[in-house]
């Protein structure tokens, strides 16, 4: 039976590599490699956005943990991701981002900060934040995906073998294909994710009498577990902070903002907003509904660690494996594989650009040739994947915490300077610096304070809260500091906002 998922996975990898080979022939410089020549339409970019949004971390970590803790209330996370993180993000940020990046002639978020706020220092700082803090996020994706492969293939394939194969495939198709190829691969992966998500809900709910009957039963089971003390009711702030972090946080993540840079024209934005909202609604609600369904597993089937604590990262893989026939389990494997590879490609692309475009070309060697610049970017794709691979080898205990730390540091640093830079002419260089520094300090300071002063478990549970606070505080810091410092040069504002 192992032959079916193995053949499907091999076929999937072959398709990816063929498209990557096509992309290699279409890519002549970093502009093509990173932005696809700014020629992509709404369907490609909307699917690329959606597939970058959802990865193995969502399906394996977040869905398992928050589905178990909140039951059907976890669906609010999926709704927030669709409405705020997808549709509203496109409508609010898409047109202004595309227009201003054209006006300022920039390709990356660090370049945007540098041009908008007239400081090379901010470009360097932003590039380092991206490369350092997106690596743990990438590692969490590798970890979650490797867990699922272990369950599907049993002990025949080890965690380390899976991790190595996925790392090599990721490097080959990202470094060769560039964004033109990645966007087309993301479209195929998005179709697999939609089909697999609907199939997963149908098959799992069917075994419990359908969606309505399953929802009623799991709600009763959750209430029973909380009443008996088996589950401690989470603090009031946990669910809102998860919704906030995963929905508004993407507004400040460079791998998501990158999609607006590459869109063909402004007419594609409304269409892209609708497509990505529907996509996110299906994927997000499917993931968290499945996570909530873990309450219906038999008590002896609930995965636990060696000390008896529930292993949230294995809840959803175990549930799916226990309900789906082996053939359909192979489809779900492709679903999570698609989600993960698309997220990884976005992370790798943005992270390698932070060093190549923002530091090497923009600061160290402005006269670098196009061929050298492109070669360096491809090599840095491999360096970033290697760092993520090495982190994942340690099998971090809580992949939810890894993702939250990354989102808190990056979105906390970038969200406020980015939003005010787009929409407020009075935002200043010192205001943006203050926002970036405060977000970075708050996100890391809160997490590590709870880690050392209380416990790693408490720090992990509160990681989304730390990330949310880190996003909120700079929204007040930037305008306060901007109003008491000298305004930007009029010519800079005129060029940016024309």
Protein backbone atom coordinates (compact mmCIF):
# COMPACT_ATOMS: atom_id res chain seq x y z
CA UNK A 1 0.00 0.00 0.00
CA UNK A 2 2.96 2.31 0.51
CA UNK A 3 3.44 2.27 -3.27
CA UNK A 4 0.44 4.56 -3.99
CA UNK A 5 1.49 7.60 -1.88
CA UNK A 6 5.08 7.05 -2.96
CA UNK A 7 4.18 7.13 -6.67
CA UNK A 8 1.91 10.16 -6.23
CA UNK A 9 4.63 12.01 -4.37
CA UNK A 10 7.25 11.16 -6.99
CA UNK A 11 4.92 12.30 -9.79
CA UNK A 12 4.27 15.53 -7.89
CA UNK A 13 8.00 16.17 -7.51
CA UNK A 14 8.59 15.47 -11.23
CA UNK A 15 5.93 18.02 -12.23
CA UNK A 16 7.50 20.61 -9.94
CA UNK A 17 10.97 20.03 -11.35
CA UNK A 18 9.74 20.20 -14.96
CA UNK A 19 8.10 23.59 -14.30
CA UNK A 20 11.24 24.74 -12.48
CA UNK A 21 13.26 23.80 -15.58
CA UNK A 22 10.92 25.91 -17.69
CA UNK A 23 11.36 28.79 -15.25
CA UNK A 24 15.14 28.52 -15.51
CA UNK A 25 14.92 29.36 -19.20
CA UNK A 26 12.59 32.30 -18.49
CA UNK A 27 14.84 33.93 -15.88
CA UNK A 28 17.65 36.24 -16.97
CA UNK A 29 18.11 38.54 -13.96
CA UNK A 30 17.08 39.11 -10.36
CA UNK A 31 14.03 41.15 -11.44
CA UNK A 32 12.70 38.10 -13.30
CA UNK A 33 13.79 35.74 -10.53
CA UNK A 34 12.20 37.67 -7.67
CA UNK A 35 9.15 39.36 -9.23
CA UNK A 36 8.47 37.35 -12.36
CA UNK A 37 8.94 40.52 -14.38
CA UNK A 38 5.79 42.01 -12.75
CA UNK A 39 3.68 40.23 -15.37
CA UNK A 40 1.53 37.90 -13.26
CA UNK A 41 -2.27 38.07 -13.12
CA UNK A 42 -4.80 37.75 -10.32
CA UNK A 43 -5.30 33.97 -10.42
CA UNK A 44 -1.61 33.11 -10.18
CA UNK A 45 -0.87 35.67 -7.47
CA UNK A 46 -4.03 34.98 -5.44
CA UNK A 47 -3.20 31.28 -5.33
CA UNK A 48 0.44 32.10 -4.60
CA UNK A 49 -0.70 34.30 -1.70
CA UNK A 50 -3.07 31.68 -0.34
CA UNK A 51 -0.64 28.80 -0.59
CA UNK A 52 2.08 30.87 1.09
CA UNK A 53 -0.39 31.68 3.89
CA UNK A 54 -1.22 28.08 4.81
CA UNK A 55 1.42 25.44 5.43
CA UNK A 56 2.01 22.31 7.48
CA UNK A 57 2.23 24.58 10.53
CA UNK A 58 -1.45 25.49 10.11
CA UNK A 59 -2.67 21.98 9.29
CA UNK A 60 -0.48 20.14 11.78
CA UNK A 61 0.36 22.58 14.59
CA UNK A 62 -2.23 25.34 14.79
CA UNK A 63 -5.22 23.22 13.79
CA UNK A 64 -4.32 20.52 16.28
CA UNK A 65 -3.57 22.79 19.21
CA UNK A 66 -6.35 25.34 18.87
CA UNK A 67 -8.92 22.89 17.52
CA UNK A 68 -8.34 20.83 20.67
CA UNK A 69 -8.44 23.83 23.01
CA UNK A 70 -11.39 25.70 21.49
CA UNK A 71 -13.39 23.18 19.49
CA UNK A 72 -15.50 24.83 16.80
CA UNK A 73 -14.63 28.31 18.11
CA UNK A 74 -11.26 27.77 16.41
CA UNK A 75 -13.10 28.35 13.12
CA UNK A 76 -12.92 32.08 13.95
CA UNK A 77 -9.22 31.86 13.17
CA UNK A 78 -10.01 30.59 9.67
CA UNK A 79 -12.67 33.28 9.14
CA UNK A 80 -10.28 36.02 10.32
CA UNK A 81 -7.55 34.73 8.01
CA UNK A 82 -9.96 34.85 5.06
CA UNK A 83 -11.62 38.23 5.71
CA UNK A 84 -8.80 40.27 7.29
CA UNK A 85 -5.65 38.41 6.33
CA UNK A 86 -6.68 37.84 2.70
CA UNK A 87 -9.52 39.92 1.23
CA UNK A 88 -9.08 43.10 3.26
CA UNK A 89 -5.30 42.91 2.98
CA UNK A 90 -5.50 42.86 -0.81
CA UNK A 91 -8.02 45.72 -0.96
CA UNK A 92 -6.18 47.96 1.50
CA UNK A 93 -2.56 47.23 0.61
CA UNK A 94 -2.55 45.95 -2.96
CA UNK A 95 -3.01 49.09 -5.04
CA UNK A 96 -1.00 51.42 -2.82
CA UNK A 97 1.88 48.96 -2.49
CA UNK A 98 2.11 48.30 -6.20
CA UNK A 99 1.93 52.00 -7.06
CA UNK A 100 4.43 53.20 -4.46
CA UNK A 101 6.97 50.46 -5.18
CA UNK A 102 6.81 51.49 -8.85
CA UNK A 103 7.24 55.17 -7.92
CA UNK A 104 10.22 54.43 -5.70
CA UNK A 105 11.63 51.77 -8.07
CA UNK A 106 12.05 49.15 -5.32
CA UNK A 107 11.68 45.37 -5.31
CA UNK A 108 11.78 44.38 -1.63
CA UNK A 109 10.39 45.56 1.70
CA UNK A 110 13.85 46.62 3.01
CA UNK A 111 14.32 48.63 -0.20
CA UNK A 112 10.92 50.21 0.38
CA UNK A 113 11.91 51.28 3.89
CA UNK A 114 15.20 52.67 2.60
CA UNK A 115 13.62 54.72 -0.21
CA UNK A 116 10.54 55.86 1.71
CA UNK A 117 12.43 56.89 4.84
CA UNK A 118 15.72 57.88 3.16
CA UNK A 119 18.04 55.65 5.18
CA UNK A 120 20.28 52.75 4.20
CA UNK A 121 20.50 51.70 7.84
CA UNK A 122 16.87 50.65 7.90
CA UNK A 123 17.40 48.52 4.79
CA UNK A 124 20.26 46.68 6.49
CA UNK A 125 18.30 46.21 9.70
CA UNK A 126 15.18 44.96 7.90
CA UNK A 127 17.20 42.56 5.73
CA UNK A 128 18.85 40.99 8.79
CA UNK A 129 15.52 40.64 10.61
CA UNK A 130 14.08 38.83 7.59
CA UNK A 131 16.96 36.41 7.18
CA UNK A 132 17.31 35.64 10.89
CA UNK A 133 13.68 35.34 11.96
CA UNK A 134 12.14 33.68 8.93
CA UNK A 135 14.48 30.71 9.33
CA UNK A 136 12.65 29.36 12.44
CA UNK A 137 9.35 29.73 10.56
CA UNK A 138 10.77 27.75 7.66
CA UNK A 139 12.07 25.13 10.11
CA UNK A 140 8.60 24.78 11.64
CA UNK A 141 7.18 24.06 8.17
CA UNK A 142 9.83 21.38 7.56
CA UNK A 143 9.10 19.83 10.96
CA UNK A 144 5.34 19.67 10.53
CA UNK A 145 5.60 18.18 7.07
CA UNK A 146 8.11 15.55 8.20
CA UNK A 147 5.75 14.46 11.01
CA UNK A 148 3.02 13.76 8.45
CA UNK A 149 5.36 11.79 6.18
CA UNK A 150 6.38 9.63 9.13
CA UNK A 151 2.73 8.76 9.82
CA UNK A 152 1.87 8.03 6.18
CA UNK A 153 4.94 5.89 5.49
CA UNK A 154 5.38 4.50 9.00
CA UNK A 155 8.87 3.54 10.05
CA UNK A 156 9.87 2.76 6.49
CA UNK A 157 10.95 6.39 6.03
CA UNK A 158 12.69 8.25 8.85
CA UNK A 159 12.15 11.88 9.83
CA UNK A 160 15.69 12.80 8.76
CA UNK A 161 15.33 11.20 5.32
CA UNK A 162 12.07 13.04 4.66
CA UNK A 163 13.57 16.31 5.88
CA UNK A 164 16.59 15.90 3.60
CA UNK A 165 14.55 15.05 0.48
CA UNK A 166 12.15 17.96 0.98
CA UNK A 167 15.05 20.35 1.58
CA UNK A 168 16.79 19.28 -1.64
CA UNK A 169 13.59 19.50 -3.70
CA UNK A 170 12.85 22.95 -2.25
CA UNK A 171 16.32 24.19 -3.13
CA UNK A 172 16.24 22.88 -6.69
CA UNK A 173 12.86 24.24 -7.68
CA UNK A 174 13.21 27.64 -5.97
CA UNK A 175 16.79 28.33 -7.06
CA UNK A 176 16.18 27.21 -10.64
CA UNK A 177 12.67 28.38 -11.39
CA UNK A 178 12.39 31.79 -9.79
CA UNK A 179 9.02 33.42 -9.22
CA UNK A 180 7.59 32.77 -12.69
CA UNK A 181 7.88 29.05 -12.06
CA UNK A 182 6.95 29.28 -8.39
CA UNK A 183 3.67 31.08 -9.15
CA UNK A 184 2.64 28.38 -11.62
CA UNK A 185 3.61 25.63 -9.20
CA UNK A 186 1.66 27.44 -6.46
CA UNK A 187 -1.42 27.42 -8.71
CA UNK A 188 -1.23 23.64 -9.09
CA UNK A 189 -0.56 23.25 -5.38
CA UNK A 190 -3.52 25.50 -4.59
CA UNK A 191 -5.88 23.28 -6.60
CA UNK A 192 -4.56 20.24 -4.71
CA UNK A 193 -5.08 22.06 -1.39
CA UNK A 194 -8.69 22.97 -2.23
CA UNK A 195 -9.58 19.46 -3.33
CA UNK A 196 -7.74 17.82 -0.46
CA UNK A 197 -9.31 20.09 2.18
CA UNK A 198 -12.86 19.39 1.01
CA UNK A 199 -12.10 15.67 0.82
CA UNK A 200 -10.63 15.68 4.34
CA UNK A 201 -13.72 17.33 5.87
CA UNK A 202 -16.10 15.02 4.04
CA UNK A 203 -14.37 11.75 4.90
CA UNK A 204 -13.66 12.53 8.56
CA UNK A 205 -17.14 13.99 9.24
CA UNK A 206 -18.84 11.13 7.38
CA UNK A 207 -17.55 8.62 9.90
CA UNK A 208 -19.36 10.54 12.66
CA UNK A 209 -22.70 10.92 10.89
CA UNK A 210 -21.99 14.04 8.84
CA UNK A 211 -20.82 17.58 9.60
CA UNK A 212 -23.82 18.60 11.72
CA UNK A 213 -23.82 15.46 13.87
CA UNK A 214 -20.03 15.57 14.28
CA UNK A 215 -20.14 19.24 15.30
CA UNK A 216 -22.78 18.54 17.95
CA UNK A 217 -20.88 15.57 19.34
CA UNK A 218 -17.49 17.29 19.50
CA UNK A 219 -18.98 20.37 21.22
CA UNK A 220 -20.51 18.11 23.86
CA UNK A 221 -17.21 16.26 24.25
CA UNK A 222 -15.25 19.49 24.70
CA UNK A 223 -17.72 20.74 27.33
CA UNK A 224 -17.43 17.42 29.16
CA UNK A 225 -13.63 17.56 29.14
CA UNK A 226 -13.55 21.12 30.47
CA UNK A 227 -16.14 20.33 33.19
CA UNK A 228 -14.22 17.27 34.35
CA UNK A 229 -10.95 19.18 34.49
CA UNK A 230 -9.33 17.05 31.77
CA UNK A 231 -8.83 20.23 29.76
CA UNK A 232 -8.04 23.53 31.40
CA UNK A 233 -10.09 26.28 29.78
CA UNK A 234 -7.63 28.60 27.99
CA UNK A 235 -7.25 32.21 29.11
CA UNK A 236 -9.60 34.68 27.48
CA UNK A 237 -6.85 36.35 25.46
CA UNK A 238 -5.57 33.22 23.67
CA UNK A 239 -8.12 32.93 20.86
CA UNK A 240 -8.30 36.70 20.06
CA UNK A 241 -4.50 36.88 19.99
CA UNK A 242 -4.28 33.92 17.60
CA UNK A 243 -6.90 35.49 15.30
CA UNK A 244 -5.11 38.85 15.45
CA UNK A 245 -1.62 37.45 14.93
CA UNK A 246 -2.50 35.18 12.02
CA UNK A 247 -4.84 37.68 10.32
CA UNK A 248 -3.34 41.15 10.71
CA UNK A 249 0.18 39.80 11.06
CA UNK A 250 0.39 38.88 7.37
CA UNK A 251 -0.02 42.58 6.52
CA UNK A 252 3.56 43.06 7.68
CA UNK A 253 5.19 39.84 6.46
CA UNK A 254 7.51 40.43 3.47
CA UNK A 255 6.74 37.05 1.85
CA UNK A 256 3.05 38.09 1.64
CA UNK A 257 3.59 41.73 0.66
CA UNK A 258 5.87 40.49 -2.13
CA UNK A 259 2.77 39.30 -4.03
CA UNK A 260 1.52 42.87 -4.49
CA UNK A 261 4.85 43.92 -6.00
CA UNK A 262 4.59 41.31 -8.74
CA UNK A 263 0.99 41.88 -9.92
CA UNK A 264 0.53 42.90 -13.54
CA UNK A 265 -1.74 45.93 -13.08
CA UNK A 266 -4.13 47.49 -10.56
CA UNK A 267 -7.19 46.09 -12.31
CA UNK A 268 -6.20 42.63 -11.08
CA UNK A 269 -6.40 43.58 -7.39
CA UNK A 270 -10.17 43.30 -6.77
CA UNK A 271 -10.27 39.99 -8.61
CA UNK A 272 -7.30 38.76 -6.61
CA UNK A 273 -8.96 39.83 -3.33
CA UNK A 274 -12.07 37.76 -4.09
CA UNK A 275 -10.12 34.68 -5.20
CA UNK A 276 -7.79 34.67 -2.20
CA UNK A 277 -10.66 35.24 0.26
CA UNK A 278 -12.60 32.22 -1.00
CA UNK A 279 -9.42 30.15 -1.06
CA UNK A 280 -8.48 31.09 2.50
CA UNK A 281 -12.01 30.51 3.79
CA UNK A 282 -12.06 26.95 2.45
CA UNK A 283 -8.54 26.05 3.57
CA UNK A 284 -8.65 27.76 6.97
CA UNK A 285 -12.05 26.45 8.03
CA UNK A 286 -11.19 22.93 6.81
CA UNK A 287 -7.99 22.91 8.86
CA UNK A 288 -9.54 24.14 12.12
CA UNK A 289 -12.68 22.01 11.75
CA UNK A 290 -10.45 18.97 11.38
CA UNK A 291 -8.45 20.08 14.41
CA UNK A 292 -11.65 20.32 16.47
CA UNK A 293 -12.66 16.84 15.31
CA UNK A 294 -9.72 15.39 17.25
CA UNK A 295 -12.01 15.44 20.31
CA UNK A 296 -13.85 12.49 18.81
CA UNK A 297 -10.75 10.28 18.75
CA UNK A 298 -10.71 7.34 21.14
CA UNK A 299 -8.87 8.15 24.36
CA UNK A 300 -6.18 5.54 23.69
CA UNK A 301 -5.53 7.03 20.25
CA UNK A 302 -4.76 10.55 21.48
CA UNK A 303 -0.99 11.06 20.98
CA UNK A 304 1.00 12.00 24.07
CA UNK A 305 4.60 12.80 24.83
CA UNK A 306 6.83 10.65 27.04
CA UNK A 307 5.64 12.61 30.11
CA UNK A 308 1.95 12.14 29.28
CA UNK A 309 1.24 15.59 27.82
CA UNK A 310 -0.87 15.74 24.64
CA UNK A 311 1.28 16.07 21.53
CA UNK A 312 -0.67 18.73 19.63
CA UNK A 313 1.58 18.46 16.58
CA UNK A 314 0.48 14.86 15.98
CA UNK A 315 -3.24 15.19 16.71
CA UNK A 316 -4.39 16.03 13.18
CA UNK A 317 -2.01 13.60 11.38
CA UNK A 318 -3.17 10.77 13.68
CA UNK A 319 -6.85 11.65 13.19
CA UNK A 320 -6.56 11.76 9.41
CA UNK A 321 -4.52 8.55 9.30
CA UNK A 322 -7.13 6.70 11.38
CA UNK A 323 -10.08 7.68 9.17
CA UNK A 324 -8.87 7.82 5.60
CA UNK A 325 -8.18 4.85 3.35
CA UNK A 326 -4.57 4.67 2.28
CA UNK A 327 -5.29 6.01 -1.21
CA UNK A 328 -7.06 9.09 0.15
CA UNK A 329 -4.37 9.53 2.79
CA UNK A 330 -1.93 9.95 -0.07
CA UNK A 331 -4.08 12.84 -1.36
CA UNK A 332 -3.98 14.52 2.07
CA UNK A 333 -0.22 14.05 2.09
CA UNK A 334 -0.08 15.96 -1.21
CA UNK A 335 -2.36 18.61 0.32
CA UNK A 336 0.02 19.32 3.20
CA UNK A 337 3.06 18.88 0.95
CA UNK A 338 1.65 21.47 -1.47
CA UNK A 339 0.87 23.90 1.33
CA UNK A 340 4.32 23.51 2.81
CA UNK A 341 6.40 23.73 -0.36
CA UNK A 342 4.58 26.88 -1.47
CA UNK A 343 5.16 28.52 1.91
CA UNK A 344 8.80 27.44 1.88
CA UNK A 345 9.34 28.84 -1.61
CA UNK A 346 8.00 32.25 -0.52
CA UNK A 347 10.15 32.28 2.61
CA UNK A 348 13.28 31.21 0.74
CA UNK A 349 12.75 33.74 -2.05
CA UNK A 350 12.20 36.69 0.29
CA UNK A 351 15.02 35.70 2.62
CA UNK A 352 17.61 35.27 -0.14
CA UNK A 353 16.54 38.61 -1.66
CA UNK A 354 17.16 40.35 1.68
CA UNK A 355 20.86 39.58 1.42
CA UNK A 356 21.33 39.74 -2.36
CA UNK A 357 19.26 42.79 -3.29
CA UNK A 358 19.25 44.73 -0.04
CA UNK A 359 22.76 44.12 1.32
CA UNK A 360 25.01 42.93 -1.50
CA UNK A 361 23.64 44.89 -4.45
CA UNK A 362 22.19 47.76 -2.46
CA UNK A 363 25.07 48.37 -0.07
CA UNK A 364 28.23 46.30 -0.53
CA UNK A 365 28.55 46.15 -4.33
CA UNK A 366 26.11 48.45 -6.18
CA UNK A 367 27.86 47.75 -9.50
CA UNK A 368 27.51 43.97 -9.33
CA UNK A 369 26.73 42.33 -12.67
CA UNK A 370 23.33 40.80 -13.31
CA UNK A 371 24.81 37.32 -13.62
CA UNK A 372 26.71 37.56 -10.33
CA UNK A 373 23.68 38.95 -8.54
CA UNK A 374 21.47 36.13 -9.82
CA UNK A 375 24.07 33.48 -8.93
CA UNK A 376 24.39 34.85 -5.38
CA UNK A 377 20.63 34.84 -4.91
CA UNK A 378 20.43 31.20 -5.98
CA UNK A 379 23.25 30.26 -3.63
CA UNK A 380 21.60 32.08 -0.74
CA UNK A 381 18.42 30.11 -1.36
CA UNK A 382 20.51 27.07 -0.48
CA UNK A 383 22.04 28.73 2.59
CA UNK A 384 18.62 29.66 3.98
CA UNK A 385 17.25 26.17 3.39
CA UNK A 386 20.34 24.66 5.05
CA UNK A 387 19.86 26.82 8.17
CA UNK A 388 16.16 25.86 8.34
CA UNK A 389 17.09 22.21 7.82
CA UNK A 390 19.57 22.26 10.70
CA UNK A 391 17.01 23.85 13.05
CA UNK A 392 14.38 21.28 12.06
CA UNK A 393 16.80 18.39 12.71
CA UNK A 394 16.46 19.11 16.43
CA UNK A 395 12.69 18.41 16.15
CA UNK A 396 11.54 21.52 18.03
CA UNK A 397 8.82 20.50 20.50
CA UNK A 398 6.24 23.16 19.63
CA UNK A 399 6.11 24.25 16.02
CA UNK A 400 3.31 26.69 16.93
CA UNK A 401 5.77 28.56 19.17
CA UNK A 402 8.40 28.69 16.42
CA UNK A 403 5.95 30.24 13.98
CA UNK A 404 4.63 32.69 16.58
CA UNK A 405 8.15 33.88 17.46
CA UNK A 406 8.93 34.45 13.78
CA UNK A 407 5.67 36.24 13.03
CA UNK A 408 5.99 38.36 16.17
CA UNK A 409 9.52 39.49 15.36
CA UNK A 410 8.99 40.17 11.63
CA UNK A 411 5.42 41.51 11.61
CA UNK A 412 6.02 43.38 14.89
CA UNK A 413 9.03 45.12 13.33
CA UNK A 414 7.55 45.84 9.90
CA UNK A 415 3.78 46.32 10.19
CA UNK A 416 3.66 49.86 11.57
CA UNK A 417 6.53 51.37 9.50
CA UNK A 418 5.05 49.77 6.39
CA UNK A 419 1.44 50.92 6.94
CA UNK A 420 2.37 54.47 7.92
CA UNK A 421 4.88 54.63 5.09
CA UNK A 422 2.15 53.76 2.61
CA UNK A 423 -0.63 56.00 3.90
CA UNK A 424 0.78 58.82 6.06
CA UNK A 425 3.02 61.45 4.54
CA UNK A 426 4.17 62.72 7.94
CA UNK A 427 5.75 59.38 8.96
CA UNK A 428 9.46 60.00 9.56
CA UNK A 429 12.68 58.05 9.55
CA UNK A 430 13.07 58.17 13.33
CA UNK A 431 9.42 57.21 13.79
CA UNK A 432 9.92 54.17 11.56
CA UNK A 433 13.12 53.19 13.37
CA UNK A 434 11.35 53.50 16.72
CA UNK A 435 8.48 51.34 15.49
CA UNK A 436 10.79 48.68 14.11
CA UNK A 437 12.95 48.49 17.23
CA UNK A 438 9.99 48.50 19.64
CA UNK A 439 8.26 45.67 17.77
CA UNK A 440 11.40 43.55 17.74
CA UNK A 441 12.14 44.14 21.43
CA UNK A 442 8.59 43.54 22.61
CA UNK A 443 8.09 40.31 20.66
CA UNK A 444 11.34 38.73 21.83
CA UNK A 445 11.36 40.31 25.29
CA UNK A 446 7.90 39.04 26.26
CA UNK A 447 8.46 35.54 24.94
CA UNK A 448 11.82 35.01 26.60
CA UNK A 449 10.67 36.63 29.84
CA UNK A 450 7.84 34.11 30.09
CA UNK A 451 10.21 31.31 29.01
CA UNK A 452 12.76 31.91 31.76
CA UNK A 453 10.63 33.47 34.52
CA UNK A 454 7.67 31.11 34.24
CA UNK A 455 8.05 28.04 32.00
CA UNK A 456 8.61 27.03 28.36
CA UNK A 457 5.01 25.76 28.27
CA UNK A 458 3.62 29.12 29.43
CA UNK A 459 5.84 30.95 26.94
CA UNK A 460 4.59 28.72 24.13
CA UNK A 461 0.95 29.26 25.11
CA UNK A 462 1.44 33.02 25.21
CA UNK A 463 3.59 33.32 22.08
CA UNK A 464 0.64 34.54 19.93
CA UNK A 465 -0.13 37.16 22.61
CA UNK A 466 3.50 38.36 22.55
CA UNK A 467 3.32 38.60 18.75
CA UNK A 468 0.03 40.54 18.87
CA UNK A 469 1.33 43.05 21.45
CA UNK A 470 4.47 43.48 19.36
CA UNK A 471 2.31 44.46 16.38
CA UNK A 472 0.07 46.85 18.33
CA UNK A 473 2.64 48.90 20.29
CA UNK A 474 4.55 50.20 17.20
CA UNK A 475 1.25 51.44 15.74
CA UNK A 476 1.33 54.05 18.55
CA UNK A 477 5.08 54.51 18.68
CA UNK A 478 5.54 55.48 15.01
CA UNK A 479 3.07 58.44 14.96
CA UNK A 480 4.19 59.76 18.37
CA UNK A 481 7.87 59.82 17.41
CA UNK A 482 7.08 61.10 13.90
CA UNK A 483 5.17 64.10 15.23
CA UNK A 484 8.09 65.23 17.39
CA UNK A 485 10.78 64.76 14.74
CA UNK A 486 11.55 66.59 11.50
CA UNK A 487 9.22 65.70 8.59
CA UNK A 488 10.51 63.89 5.48
CA UNK A 489 11.83 65.87 2.54
CA UNK A 490 8.97 67.16 0.31
CA UNK A 491 10.58 65.76 -2.83
CA UNK A 492 10.69 62.27 -1.31
CA UNK A 493 7.01 62.43 -0.38
CA UNK A 494 6.06 63.79 -3.78
CA UNK A 495 7.90 60.96 -5.54
CA UNK A 496 6.45 58.26 -3.27
CA UNK A 497 2.83 59.43 -3.35
CA UNK A 498 2.50 60.67 -6.93
